[in-house]
Amino acid sequence: VELSNAVPALKNGQIDGFVTAGSYPAPNVIEAA
């Protein structure tokens, strides 16, 4: 799955987690949390 789809994939139970690298706080981690 593309990293851009990580948050919805996590929300829908398609994945158990994801790895991302960027400056913190990371926008996709904020969204997921």
PDB file of all heavy atoms in Angstrom:
ATOM      1  N   VAL A   1       0.864  -1.185   0.000  1.00  0.00           N
ATOM      2  CA  VAL A   1       0.000   0.000   0.000  1.00  0.00           C
ATOM      3  C   VAL A   1       0.898   1.232   0.000  1.00  0.00           C
ATOM      4  O   VAL A   1       1.971   1.233   0.624  1.00  0.00           O
ATOM      5  CB  VAL A   1      -0.918   0.027   1.249  1.00  0.00           C
ATOM      6  CG1 VAL A   1      -1.846   1.242   1.208  1.00  0.00           C
ATOM      7  CG2 VAL A   1      -1.728  -1.260   1.351  1.00  0.00           C
ATOM      8  N   GLU A   2       0.496   2.277  -0.699  1.00  0.00           N
ATOM      9  CA  GLU A   2       1.276   3.515  -0.705  1.00  0.00           C
ATOM     10  C   GLU A   2       1.237   4.165   0.676  1.00  0.00           C
ATOM     11  O   GLU A   2       0.212   4.122   1.368  1.00  0.00           O
ATOM     12  CB  GLU A   2       0.722   4.487  -1.746  1.00  0.00           C
ATOM     13  CG  GLU A   2       0.911   4.034  -3.189  1.00  0.00           C
ATOM     14  CD  GLU A   2       2.365   3.954  -3.596  1.00  0.00           C
ATOM     15  OE1 GLU A   2       3.177   4.743  -3.074  1.00  0.00           O
ATOM     16  OE2 GLU A   2       2.701   3.096  -4.430  1.00  0.00           O
ATOM     17  N   LEU A   3       2.339   4.787   1.059  1.00  0.00           N
ATOM     18  CA  LEU A   3       2.411   5.420   2.374  1.00  0.00           C
ATOM     19  C   LEU A   3       1.344   6.504   2.538  1.00  0.00           C
ATOM     20  O   LEU A   3       0.852   6.738   3.640  1.00  0.00           O
ATOM     21  CB  LEU A   3       3.803   6.019   2.595  1.00  0.00           C
ATOM     22  CG  LEU A   3       4.072   6.616   3.986  1.00  0.00           C
ATOM     23  CD1 LEU A   3       3.912   5.553   5.074  1.00  0.00           C
ATOM     24  CD2 LEU A   3       5.475   7.221   4.047  1.00  0.00           C
ATOM     25  N   SER A   4       0.958   7.133   1.441  1.00  0.00           N
ATOM     26  CA  SER A   4      -0.071   8.178   1.502  1.00  0.00           C
ATOM     27  C   SER A   4      -1.419   7.629   1.966  1.00  0.00           C
ATOM     28  O   SER A   4      -2.280   8.376   2.431  1.00  0.00           O
ATOM     29  CB  SER A   4      -0.231   8.856   0.138  1.00  0.00           C
ATOM     30  OG  SER A   4      -0.563   7.901  -0.860  1.00  0.00           O
ATOM     31  N   ASN A   5      -1.585   6.299   1.856  1.00  0.00           N
ATOM     32  CA  ASN A   5      -2.835   5.660   2.279  1.00  0.00           C
ATOM     33  C   ASN A   5      -2.711   4.978   3.638  1.00  0.00           C
ATOM     34  O   ASN A   5      -3.593   4.212   4.037  1.00  0.00           O
ATOM     35  CB  ASN A   5      -3.272   4.621   1.230  1.00  0.00           C
ATOM     36  CG  ASN A   5      -3.608   5.258  -0.102  1.00  0.00           C
ATOM     37  OD1 ASN A   5      -4.195   6.334  -0.151  1.00  0.00           O
ATOM     38  ND2 ASN A   5      -3.227   4.603  -1.193  1.00  0.00           N
ATOM     39  N   ALA A   6      -1.635   5.250   4.355  1.00  0.00           N
ATOM     40  CA  ALA A   6      -1.363   4.548   5.610  1.00  0.00           C
ATOM     41  C   ALA A   6      -2.446   4.783   6.659  1.00  0.00           C
ATOM     42  O   ALA A   6      -2.891   3.830   7.318  1.00  0.00           O
ATOM     43  CB  ALA A   6      -0.004   4.978   6.163  1.00  0.00           C
ATOM     44  N   VAL A   7      -2.856   6.022   6.825  1.00  0.00           N
ATOM     45  CA  VAL A   7      -3.825   6.325   7.890  1.00  0.00           C
ATOM     46  C   VAL A   7      -5.178   5.654   7.641  1.00  0.00           C
ATOM     47  O   VAL A   7      -5.701   4.972   8.531  1.00  0.00           O
ATOM     48  CB  VAL A   7      -3.971   7.853   8.078  1.00  0.00           C
ATOM     49  CG1 VAL A   7      -5.057   8.149   9.113  1.00  0.00           C
ATOM     50  CG2 VAL A   7      -2.643   8.461   8.523  1.00  0.00           C
ATOM     51  N   PRO A   8      -5.778   5.802   6.445  1.00  0.00           N
ATOM     52  CA  PRO A   8      -7.044   5.086   6.220  1.00  0.00           C
ATOM     53  C   PRO A   8      -6.895   3.572   6.277  1.00  0.00           C
ATOM     54  O   PRO A   8      -7.797   2.867   6.737  1.00  0.00           O
ATOM     55  CB  PRO A   8      -7.484   5.561   4.829  1.00  0.00           C
ATOM     56  CG  PRO A   8      -6.283   6.177   4.205  1.00  0.00           C
ATOM     57  CD  PRO A   8      -5.475   6.706   5.319  1.00  0.00           C
ATOM     58  N   ALA A   9      -5.739   3.057   5.824  1.00  0.00           N
ATOM     59  CA  ALA A   9      -5.515   1.608   5.876  1.00  0.00           C
ATOM     60  C   ALA A   9      -5.454   1.124   7.316  1.00  0.00           C
ATOM     61  O   ALA A   9      -5.965   0.035   7.646  1.00  0.00           O
ATOM     62  CB  ALA A   9      -4.223   1.250   5.140  1.00  0.00           C
ATOM     63  N   LEU A  10      -4.853   1.911   8.190  1.00  0.00           N
ATOM     64  CA  LEU A  10      -4.787   1.562   9.612  1.00  0.00           C
ATOM     65  C   LEU A  10      -6.177   1.633  10.237  1.00  0.00           C
ATOM     66  O   LEU A  10      -6.581   0.746  10.999  1.00  0.00           O
ATOM     67  CB  LEU A  10      -3.829   2.508  10.337  1.00  0.00           C
ATOM     68  CG  LEU A  10      -3.580   2.219  11.832  1.00  0.00           C
ATOM     69  CD1 LEU A  10      -2.873   0.878  11.991  1.00  0.00           C
ATOM     70  CD2 LEU A  10      -2.748   3.338  12.466  1.00  0.00           C
ATOM     71  N   LYS A  11      -6.900   2.669   9.890  1.00  0.00           N
ATOM     72  CA  LYS A  11      -8.253   2.863  10.429  1.00  0.00           C
ATOM     73  C   LYS A  11      -9.187   1.739  10.003  1.00  0.00           C
ATOM     74  O   LYS A  11     -10.026   1.282  10.792  1.00  0.00           O
ATOM     75  CB  LYS A  11      -8.798   4.215   9.965  1.00  0.00           C
ATOM     76  CG  LYS A  11     -10.156   4.564  10.542  1.00  0.00           C
ATOM     77  CD  LYS A  11     -10.598   5.944  10.097  1.00  0.00           C
ATOM     78  CE  LYS A  11     -11.945   6.311  10.706  1.00  0.00           C
ATOM     79  NZ  LYS A  11     -12.381   7.685  10.281  1.00  0.00           N
ATOM     80  N   ASN A  12      -9.034   1.259   8.764  1.00  0.00           N
ATOM     81  CA  ASN A  12      -9.907   0.213   8.240  1.00  0.00           C
ATOM     82  C   ASN A  12      -9.442  -1.200   8.600  1.00  0.00           C
ATOM     83  O   ASN A  12     -10.068  -2.183   8.187  1.00  0.00           O
ATOM     84  CB  ASN A  12     -10.008   0.327   6.712  1.00  0.00           C
ATOM     85  CG  ASN A  12     -10.660   1.638   6.285  1.00  0.00           C
ATOM     86  OD1 ASN A  12     -11.457   2.204   7.024  1.00  0.00           O
ATOM     87  ND2 ASN A  12     -10.303   2.115   5.088  1.00  0.00           N
ATOM     88  N   GLY A  13      -8.344  -1.301   9.322  1.00  0.00           N
ATOM     89  CA  GLY A  13      -7.859  -2.606   9.745  1.00  0.00           C
ATOM     90  C   GLY A  13      -7.111  -3.372   8.684  1.00  0.00           C
ATOM     91  O   GLY A  13      -6.864  -4.576   8.832  1.00  0.00           O
ATOM     92  N   GLN A  14      -6.723  -2.694   7.600  1.00  0.00           N
ATOM     93  CA  GLN A  14      -5.969  -3.363   6.540  1.00  0.00           C
ATOM     94  C   GLN A  14      -4.525  -3.622   6.945  1.00  0.00           C
ATOM     95  O   GLN A  14      -3.882  -4.534   6.423  1.00  0.00           O
ATOM     96  CB  GLN A  14      -5.993  -2.522   5.263  1.00  0.00           C
ATOM     97  CG  GLN A  14      -7.364  -2.350   4.636  1.00  0.00           C
ATOM     98  CD  GLN A  14      -7.329  -1.365   3.482  1.00  0.00           C
ATOM     99  OE1 GLN A  14      -7.510  -0.158   3.654  1.00  0.00           O
ATOM    100  NE2 GLN A  14      -7.083  -1.884   2.289  1.00  0.00           N
ATOM    101  N   ILE A  15      -4.020  -2.799   7.842  1.00  0.00           N
ATOM    102  CA  ILE A  15      -2.659  -2.951   8.351  1.00  0.00           C
ATOM    103  C   ILE A  15      -2.671  -2.803   9.872  1.00  0.00           C
ATOM    104  O   ILE A  15      -3.615  -2.261  10.450  1.00  0.00           O
ATOM    105  CB  ILE A  15      -1.690  -1.900   7.732  1.00  0.00           C
ATOM    106  CG1 ILE A  15      -2.173  -0.468   8.041  1.00  0.00           C
ATOM    107  CG2 ILE A  15      -1.531  -2.118   6.238  1.00  0.00           C
ATOM    108  CD1 ILE A  15      -1.213   0.615   7.592  1.00  0.00           C
ATOM    109  N   ASP A  16      -1.609  -3.295  10.497  1.00  0.00           N
ATOM    110  CA  ASP A  16      -1.474  -3.158  11.956  1.00  0.00           C
ATOM    111  C   ASP A  16      -0.637  -1.940  12.336  1.00  0.00           C
ATOM    112  O   ASP A  16      -0.662  -1.501  13.493  1.00  0.00           O
ATOM    113  CB  ASP A  16      -0.828  -4.414  12.538  1.00  0.00           C
ATOM    114  CG  ASP A  16      -1.690  -5.653  12.326  1.00  0.00           C
ATOM    115  OD1 ASP A  16      -2.841  -5.651  12.799  1.00  0.00           O
ATOM    116  OD2 ASP A  16      -1.206  -6.607  11.678  1.00  0.00           O
ATOM    117  N   GLY A  17       0.112  -1.430  11.365  1.00  0.00           N
ATOM    118  CA  GLY A  17       0.947  -0.279  11.652  1.00  0.00           C
ATOM    119  C   GLY A  17       1.662   0.200  10.403  1.00  0.00           C
ATOM    120  O   GLY A  17       1.569  -0.420   9.338  1.00  0.00           O
ATOM    121  N   PHE A  18       2.387   1.311  10.549  1.00  0.00           N
ATOM    122  CA  PHE A  18       3.154   1.829   9.412  1.00  0.00           C
ATOM    123  C   PHE A  18       4.410   2.524   9.908  1.00  0.00           C
ATOM    124  O   PHE A  18       4.518   2.903  11.080  1.00  0.00           O
ATOM    125  CB  PHE A  18       2.315   2.769   8.547  1.00  0.00           C
ATOM    126  CG  PHE A  18       1.853   4.041   9.226  1.00  0.00           C
ATOM    127  CD1 PHE A  18       2.614   5.210   9.181  1.00  0.00           C
ATOM    128  CD2 PHE A  18       0.625   4.077   9.890  1.00  0.00           C
ATOM    129  CE1 PHE A  18       2.181   6.374   9.796  1.00  0.00           C
ATOM    130  CE2 PHE A  18       0.176   5.241  10.506  1.00  0.00           C
ATOM    131  CZ  PHE A  18       0.954   6.391  10.453  1.00  0.00           C
ATOM    132  N   VAL A  19       5.358   2.651   9.001  1.00  0.00           N
ATOM    133  CA  VAL A  19       6.632   3.307   9.303  1.00  0.00           C
ATOM    134  C   VAL A  19       6.712   4.596   8.485  1.00  0.00           C
ATOM    135  O   VAL A  19       6.444   4.584   7.283  1.00  0.00           O
ATOM    136  CB  VAL A  19       7.828   2.394   8.954  1.00  0.00           C
ATOM    137  CG1 VAL A  19       9.151   3.107   9.251  1.00  0.00           C
ATOM    138  CG2 VAL A  19       7.739   1.087   9.724  1.00  0.00           C
ATOM    139  N   THR A  20       7.079   5.662   9.134  1.00  0.00           N
ATOM    140  CA  THR A  20       7.215   6.928   8.417  1.00  0.00           C
ATOM    141  C   THR A  20       8.391   7.707   8.992  1.00  0.00           C
ATOM    142  O   THR A  20       8.733   7.561  10.171  1.00  0.00           O
ATOM    143  CB  THR A  20       5.912   7.761   8.516  1.00  0.00           C
ATOM    144  OG1 THR A  20       6.017   8.918   7.690  1.00  0.00           O
ATOM    145  CG2 THR A  20       5.628   8.200   9.941  1.00  0.00           C
ATOM    146  N   ALA A  21       9.015   8.512   8.154  1.00  0.00           N
ATOM    147  CA  ALA A  21      10.133   9.338   8.600  1.00  0.00           C
ATOM    148  C   ALA A  21       9.881  10.769   8.146  1.00  0.00           C
ATOM    149  O   ALA A  21       9.520  11.017   7.003  1.00  0.00           O
ATOM    150  CB  ALA A  21      11.454   8.840   8.023  1.00  0.00           C
ATOM    151  N   GLY A  22      10.048  11.689   9.051  1.00  0.00           N
ATOM    152  CA  GLY A  22       9.857  13.103   8.736  1.00  0.00           C
ATOM    153  C   GLY A  22      10.070  13.912   9.985  1.00  0.00           C
ATOM    154  O   GLY A  22      10.322  13.371  11.064  1.00  0.00           O
ATOM    155  N   SER A  23       9.971  15.205   9.857  1.00  0.00           N
ATOM    156  CA  SER A  23      10.117  16.057  11.034  1.00  0.00           C
ATOM    157  C   SER A  23       8.951  15.798  11.969  1.00  0.00           C
ATOM    158  O   SER A  23       7.834  15.531  11.539  1.00  0.00           O
ATOM    159  CB  SER A  23      10.108  17.520  10.598  1.00  0.00           C
ATOM    160  OG  SER A  23       8.979  17.783   9.791  1.00  0.00           O
ATOM    161  N   TYR A  24       9.232  15.818  13.266  1.00  0.00           N
ATOM    162  CA  TYR A  24       8.130  15.617  14.205  1.00  0.00           C
ATOM    163  C   TYR A  24       7.638  16.975  14.720  1.00  0.00           C
ATOM    164  O   TYR A  24       8.425  17.913  14.807  1.00  0.00           O
ATOM    165  CB  TYR A  24       8.562  14.698  15.360  1.00  0.00           C
ATOM    166  CG  TYR A  24       9.326  15.379  16.492  1.00  0.00           C
ATOM    167  CD1 TYR A  24       8.642  15.993  17.553  1.00  0.00           C
ATOM    168  CD2 TYR A  24      10.716  15.417  16.504  1.00  0.00           C
ATOM    169  CE1 TYR A  24       9.341  16.617  18.582  1.00  0.00           C
ATOM    170  CE2 TYR A  24      11.419  16.028  17.524  1.00  0.00           C
ATOM    171  CZ  TYR A  24      10.726  16.635  18.565  1.00  0.00           C
ATOM    172  OH  TYR A  24      11.411  17.266  19.579  1.00  0.00           O
ATOM    173  N   PRO A  25       6.352  17.091  15.045  1.00  0.00           N
ATOM    174  CA  PRO A  25       5.320  16.073  14.903  1.00  0.00           C
ATOM    175  C   PRO A  25       4.931  15.860  13.444  1.00  0.00           C
ATOM    176  O   PRO A  25       4.697  16.814  12.713  1.00  0.00           O
ATOM    177  CB  PRO A  25       4.145  16.648  15.713  1.00  0.00           C
ATOM    178  CG  PRO A  25       4.366  18.128  15.697  1.00  0.00           C
ATOM    179  CD  PRO A  25       5.856  18.327  15.673  1.00  0.00           C
ATOM    180  N   ALA A  26       4.895  14.590  13.033  1.00  0.00           N
ATOM    181  CA  ALA A  26       4.609  14.234  11.642  1.00  0.00           C
ATOM    182  C   ALA A  26       3.105  14.328  11.375  1.00  0.00           C
ATOM    183  O   ALA A  26       2.313  13.790  12.150  1.00  0.00           O
ATOM    184  CB  ALA A  26       5.103  12.813  11.362  1.00  0.00           C
ATOM    185  N   PRO A  27       2.706  15.006  10.294  1.00  0.00           N
ATOM    186  CA  PRO A  27       1.277  15.185  10.009  1.00  0.00           C
ATOM    187  C   PRO A  27       0.480  13.890   9.946  1.00  0.00           C
ATOM    188  O   PRO A  27      -0.634  13.818  10.476  1.00  0.00           O
ATOM    189  CB  PRO A  27       1.292  15.897   8.651  1.00  0.00           C
ATOM    190  CG  PRO A  27       2.582  16.644   8.637  1.00  0.00           C
ATOM    191  CD  PRO A  27       3.549  15.738   9.344  1.00  0.00           C
ATOM    192  N   ASN A  28       1.046  12.837   9.315  1.00  0.00           N
ATOM    193  CA  ASN A  28       0.284  11.594   9.213  1.00  0.00           C
ATOM    194  C   ASN A  28       0.158  10.881  10.558  1.00  0.00           C
ATOM    195  O   ASN A  28      -0.826  10.185  10.817  1.00  0.00           O
ATOM    196  CB  ASN A  28       0.870  10.652   8.148  1.00  0.00           C
ATOM    197  CG  ASN A  28       2.352  10.391   8.322  1.00  0.00           C
ATOM    198  OD1 ASN A  28       3.011  10.963   9.187  1.00  0.00           O
ATOM    199  ND2 ASN A  28       2.897   9.525   7.479  1.00  0.00           N
ATOM    200  N   VAL A  29       1.134  11.084  11.445  1.00  0.00           N
ATOM    201  CA  VAL A  29       1.038  10.491  12.785  1.00  0.00           C
ATOM    202  C   VAL A  29       0.023  11.280  13.627  1.00  0.00           C
ATOM    203  O   VAL A  29      -0.741  10.689  14.401  1.00  0.00           O
ATOM    204  CB  VAL A  29       2.414  10.457  13.476  1.00  0.00           C
ATOM    205  CG1 VAL A  29       2.313   9.792  14.851  1.00  0.00           C
ATOM    206  CG2 VAL A  29       3.433   9.711  12.620  1.00  0.00           C
ATOM    207  N   ILE A  30       0.002  12.586  13.474  1.00  0.00           N
ATOM    208  CA  ILE A  30      -1.000  13.409  14.160  1.00  0.00           C
ATOM    209  C   ILE A  30      -2.401  12.964  13.760  1.00  0.00           C
ATOM    210  O   ILE A  30      -3.290  12.783  14.610  1.00  0.00           O
ATOM    211  CB  ILE A  30      -0.812  14.904  13.808  1.00  0.00           C
ATOM    212  CG1 ILE A  30       0.490  15.438  14.404  1.00  0.00           C
ATOM    213  CG2 ILE A  30      -1.994  15.732  14.305  1.00  0.00           C
ATOM    214  CD1 ILE A  30       0.808  16.865  13.998  1.00  0.00           C
ATOM    215  N   GLU A  31      -2.594  12.759  12.457  1.00  0.00           N
ATOM    216  CA  GLU A  31      -3.893  12.346  11.941  1.00  0.00           C
ATOM    217  C   GLU A  31      -4.293  10.980  12.485  1.00  0.00           C
ATOM    218  O   GLU A  31      -5.439  10.771  12.912  1.00  0.00           O
ATOM    219  CB  GLU A  31      -3.859  12.319  10.412  1.00  0.00           C
ATOM    220  CG  GLU A  31      -5.186  11.954   9.768  1.00  0.00           C
ATOM    221  CD  GLU A  31      -5.110  11.850   8.252  1.00  0.00           C
ATOM    222  OE1 GLU A  31      -4.027  12.136   7.687  1.00  0.00           O
ATOM    223  OE2 GLU A  31      -6.123  11.465   7.636  1.00  0.00           O
ATOM    224  N   ALA A  32      -3.342  10.035  12.468  1.00  0.00           N
ATOM    225  CA  ALA A  32      -3.639   8.686  12.948  1.00  0.00           C
ATOM    226  C   ALA A  32      -3.941   8.681  14.441  1.00  0.00           C
ATOM    227  O   ALA A  32      -4.861   8.002  14.907  1.00  0.00           O
ATOM    228  CB  ALA A  32      -2.467   7.763  12.644  1.00  0.00           C
ATOM    229  N   ALA A  33      -3.171   9.452  15.212  1.00  0.00           N
ATOM    230  CA  ALA A  33      -3.360   9.494  16.660  1.00  0.00           C
ATOM    231  C   ALA A  33      -4.699  10.106  17.033  1.00  0.00           C
ATOM    232  O   ALA A  33      -5.359   9.672  17.984  1.00  0.00           O
ATOM    233  CB  ALA A  33      -2.219  10.274  17.305  1.00  0.00           C
TER     234      ALA A  33
END
